Amino acid sequence: MPPQRGHDRIALPSAPDAKSLQLFLNQQRRLQPDQFPDLSLAVIKLLGRGEYAVGFPDEPIVGHFDLALKDYAHATAPNRRFPDLVIQRLIKAALNGNHHPYSKQELCKLAKHCTEKEADANKVERLLSKCAAAQMMEKHIGQTFQAMVTGASEKGVWIRLKKPPVEGKLVYRMSGVDVGDRIQARLIHVDVANGFIDFERL
């Protein structure tokens, strides 16, 4: 479903559509550059984590939703070296006219394994970042900050401060807020060892 335009602004369709999302974000980056980092972060959180998927010629291609691409095999981050190696082996075999080095079952297992290992690495990286942020915020307990809601689910409500740009959890007065809402929040507690930063809404 194509994006809808009203008053020269793009409205997202009700059904997920990668191209429409790309056009919408490009427009918001142009129209509201100061607010775009917060919007981008909120969209990334709503989309959730990506995962490695295998595409076969005789099956529908999953592609890369975020980039609105069907043909996608690009992995350059340091934690993606093994997926790179798998792709290079497949390309090398195809260029040399050799039988591909993996079976369908093996490729599916490798994709699942790479997704799990990347999630493990992200958890460690995220915890270190949270602990550093908690240590930095420890001296600001009791202070009030401008913030935006970046996540809201049954597990809780998360916010991101405008300055400094750290994230934490809203633990009091969180009813009625939704992703994208801008609020005032008071820092009430930090736990450096576990990376917890807790706020209450004013």
Protein backbone atom coordinates (compact mmCIF):
# COMPACT_ATOMS: atom_id res chain seq x y z
CA MET A 1 0.00 0.00 0.00
CA PRO A 2 1.60 3.33 -1.03
CA PRO A 3 2.04 6.16 1.48
CA GLN A 4 -0.79 8.67 1.70
CA ARG A 5 -0.10 12.35 1.19
CA GLY A 6 -2.04 15.11 2.87
CA HIS A 7 -0.97 18.75 2.97
CA ASP A 8 2.35 17.61 1.45
CA ARG A 9 3.00 15.35 4.43
CA ILE A 10 3.34 11.59 4.18
CA ALA A 11 1.08 9.48 6.41
CA LEU A 12 2.05 5.89 7.05
CA PRO A 13 -0.36 3.19 5.81
CA SER A 14 -2.02 0.85 8.28
CA ALA A 15 -0.18 -2.22 6.91
CA PRO A 16 3.62 -2.49 7.29
CA ASP A 17 5.32 -1.16 4.17
CA ALA A 18 9.08 -0.65 4.05
CA LYS A 19 9.09 1.89 1.21
CA SER A 20 6.45 4.03 2.90
CA LEU A 21 8.41 3.99 6.14
CA GLN A 22 11.56 5.02 4.28
CA LEU A 23 9.77 7.96 2.60
CA PHE A 24 8.20 9.02 5.90
CA LEU A 25 11.54 9.00 7.75
CA ASN A 26 13.29 10.88 4.94
CA GLN A 27 10.59 13.54 5.13
CA GLN A 28 10.81 13.83 8.91
CA ARG A 29 14.59 14.14 8.74
CA ARG A 30 14.15 17.06 6.37
CA LEU A 31 11.25 18.77 8.17
CA GLN A 32 12.29 18.20 11.81
CA PRO A 33 16.05 17.58 11.94
CA ASP A 34 16.31 18.36 15.67
CA GLN A 35 13.66 15.82 16.62
CA PHE A 36 14.68 13.16 14.10
CA PRO A 37 17.17 11.28 16.36
CA ASP A 38 14.40 10.67 18.91
CA LEU A 39 11.95 9.60 16.21
CA SER A 40 14.50 7.32 14.60
CA LEU A 41 15.27 5.64 17.93
CA ALA A 42 11.57 5.13 18.66
CA VAL A 43 11.00 3.54 15.23
CA ILE A 44 14.00 1.22 15.66
CA LYS A 45 12.66 0.06 19.03
CA LEU A 46 9.19 -0.52 17.62
CA LEU A 47 10.60 -2.56 14.73
CA GLY A 48 12.52 -4.79 17.14
CA ARG A 49 15.74 -6.69 16.56
CA GLY A 50 16.60 -8.02 13.14
CA GLU A 51 17.62 -11.57 12.47
CA TYR A 52 19.56 -13.46 9.85
CA ALA A 53 17.37 -15.17 7.28
CA VAL A 54 18.25 -17.38 4.33
CA GLY A 55 16.73 -16.74 0.91
CA PHE A 56 16.37 -19.56 -1.59
CA PRO A 57 15.57 -19.16 -5.33
CA ASP A 58 12.40 -21.26 -5.11
CA GLU A 59 10.98 -19.45 -2.07
CA PRO A 60 9.69 -15.91 -1.32
CA ILE A 61 12.54 -13.57 -0.38
CA VAL A 62 12.36 -11.98 3.06
CA GLY A 63 14.82 -9.20 2.28
CA HIS A 64 15.73 -6.30 4.57
CA PHE A 65 12.62 -4.47 5.78
CA ASP A 66 14.43 -1.45 7.24
CA LEU A 67 16.27 -0.74 4.00
CA ALA A 68 13.32 -1.69 1.77
CA LEU A 69 15.56 -4.10 -0.15
CA LYS A 70 14.75 -7.59 -1.38
CA ASP A 71 18.28 -8.54 -2.44
CA TYR A 72 20.45 -7.94 0.60
CA ALA A 73 23.61 -9.70 1.78
CA HIS A 74 25.66 -7.00 3.48
CA ALA A 75 27.26 -7.43 6.90
CA THR A 76 30.22 -5.25 7.85
CA ALA A 77 30.04 -4.72 11.63
CA PRO A 78 32.82 -6.40 13.69
CA ASN A 79 30.31 -8.80 15.25
CA ARG A 80 29.24 -10.00 11.79
CA ARG A 81 32.50 -11.38 10.47
CA PHE A 82 31.26 -14.98 10.44
CA PRO A 83 28.12 -14.15 8.41
CA ASP A 84 30.46 -12.31 6.01
CA LEU A 85 32.58 -15.45 5.70
CA VAL A 86 29.55 -17.65 4.95
CA ILE A 87 28.39 -15.24 2.23
CA GLN A 88 31.88 -15.05 0.70
CA ARG A 89 32.12 -18.84 0.57
CA LEU A 90 28.79 -19.03 -1.25
CA ILE A 91 29.78 -16.32 -3.74
CA LYS A 92 33.18 -17.92 -4.36
CA ALA A 93 31.59 -21.31 -5.06
CA ALA A 94 29.07 -19.73 -7.45
CA LEU A 95 31.77 -17.78 -9.35
CA ASN A 96 33.93 -20.90 -9.72
CA GLY A 97 30.99 -23.04 -10.76
CA ASN A 98 31.44 -25.32 -7.75
CA HIS A 99 28.77 -27.02 -5.67
CA HIS A 100 27.69 -24.67 -2.86
CA PRO A 101 29.45 -25.44 0.44
CA TYR A 102 26.31 -25.59 2.62
CA SER A 103 23.03 -27.47 2.50
CA LYS A 104 19.72 -25.68 3.07
CA GLN A 105 19.51 -27.15 6.55
CA GLU A 106 23.04 -26.02 7.39
CA LEU A 107 22.37 -22.48 6.18
CA CYS A 108 19.20 -22.23 8.27
CA LYS A 109 21.11 -23.47 11.35
CA LEU A 110 23.91 -20.97 10.70
CA ALA A 111 21.43 -18.10 10.34
CA LYS A 112 19.80 -19.03 13.66
CA HIS A 113 23.21 -19.40 15.35
CA CYS A 114 24.43 -16.02 14.06
CA THR A 115 21.22 -14.32 15.23
CA GLU A 116 21.61 -15.82 18.72
CA LYS A 117 25.30 -14.92 19.04
CA GLU A 118 24.70 -11.37 17.85
CA ALA A 119 21.92 -11.00 20.44
CA ASP A 120 24.32 -12.24 23.15
CA ALA A 121 26.95 -9.70 22.10
CA ASN A 122 24.37 -6.91 22.04
CA LYS A 123 23.24 -7.78 25.57
CA VAL A 124 26.77 -7.39 26.92
CA GLU A 125 27.32 -4.15 25.03
CA ARG A 126 23.97 -2.78 26.19
CA LEU A 127 24.68 -3.65 29.84
CA LEU A 128 28.07 -1.91 29.75
CA SER A 129 26.50 1.19 28.25
CA LYS A 130 23.73 1.18 30.87
CA CYS A 131 26.20 0.78 33.73
CA ALA A 132 28.29 3.70 32.44
CA ALA A 133 25.17 5.86 32.07
CA ALA A 134 23.96 4.94 35.57
CA GLN A 135 27.33 5.90 37.04
CA MET A 136 27.22 9.23 35.22
CA MET A 137 23.65 9.95 36.39
CA GLU A 138 24.24 8.99 40.03
CA LYS A 139 25.07 12.58 40.99
CA HIS A 140 21.85 13.89 39.38
CA ILE A 141 19.33 12.04 41.57
CA GLY A 142 16.41 14.36 42.36
CA GLN A 143 16.86 16.50 39.25
CA THR A 144 14.20 16.98 36.55
CA PHE A 145 14.75 16.35 32.83
CA GLN A 146 12.95 16.74 29.51
CA ALA A 147 12.40 13.29 28.00
CA MET A 148 10.67 11.34 25.26
CA VAL A 149 8.94 7.97 25.65
CA THR A 150 10.85 5.45 23.51
CA GLY A 151 9.20 2.21 24.59
CA ALA A 152 5.91 1.18 26.15
CA SER A 153 4.80 -2.40 26.75
CA GLU A 154 3.59 -4.75 29.46
CA LYS A 155 7.18 -4.93 30.72
CA GLY A 156 7.31 -1.20 31.39
CA VAL A 157 7.82 2.27 29.96
CA TRP A 158 11.21 3.56 28.84
CA ILE A 159 12.26 7.13 28.24
CA ARG A 160 15.23 8.92 26.72
CA LEU A 161 16.44 12.21 28.12
CA LYS A 162 17.00 15.09 25.76
CA LYS A 163 20.14 16.12 27.63
CA PRO A 164 22.16 14.12 28.53
CA PRO A 165 20.99 11.50 25.97
CA VAL A 166 20.58 8.53 28.32
CA GLU A 167 17.72 6.06 28.67
CA GLY A 168 15.95 4.82 31.75
CA LYS A 169 12.72 3.32 33.02
CA LEU A 170 9.63 5.17 34.15
CA VAL A 171 8.61 3.49 37.41
CA TYR A 172 6.00 5.91 38.77
CA ARG A 173 3.06 7.70 37.11
CA MET A 174 3.56 5.94 33.77
CA SER A 175 -0.09 5.27 32.93
CA GLY A 176 -1.45 6.96 29.83
CA VAL A 177 1.89 7.56 28.11
CA ASP A 178 2.76 6.25 24.66
CA VAL A 179 5.80 6.06 22.41
CA GLY A 180 6.72 9.52 21.14
CA ASP A 181 5.18 11.44 24.07
CA ARG A 182 7.33 14.20 25.52
CA ILE A 183 7.31 14.41 29.29
CA GLN A 184 9.12 15.81 32.29
CA ALA A 185 10.73 13.19 34.50
CA ARG A 186 12.58 13.23 37.81
CA LEU A 187 15.50 10.89 38.41
CA ILE A 188 14.79 8.93 41.60
CA HIS A 189 17.17 5.96 41.65
CA VAL A 190 20.20 4.41 39.95
CA ASP A 191 21.85 1.01 40.28
CA VAL A 192 25.29 1.16 38.69
CA ALA A 193 26.02 -2.57 38.96
CA ASN A 194 22.88 -3.52 37.05
CA GLY A 195 22.64 -0.42 34.86
CA PHE A 196 19.23 0.66 36.19
CA ILE A 197 18.14 4.32 35.86
CA ASP A 198 14.67 4.95 37.30
CA PHE A 199 12.44 7.99 36.82
CA GLU A 200 9.03 9.25 37.85
CA ARG A 201 6.84 11.36 35.59
CA LEU A 202 5.94 14.83 36.80
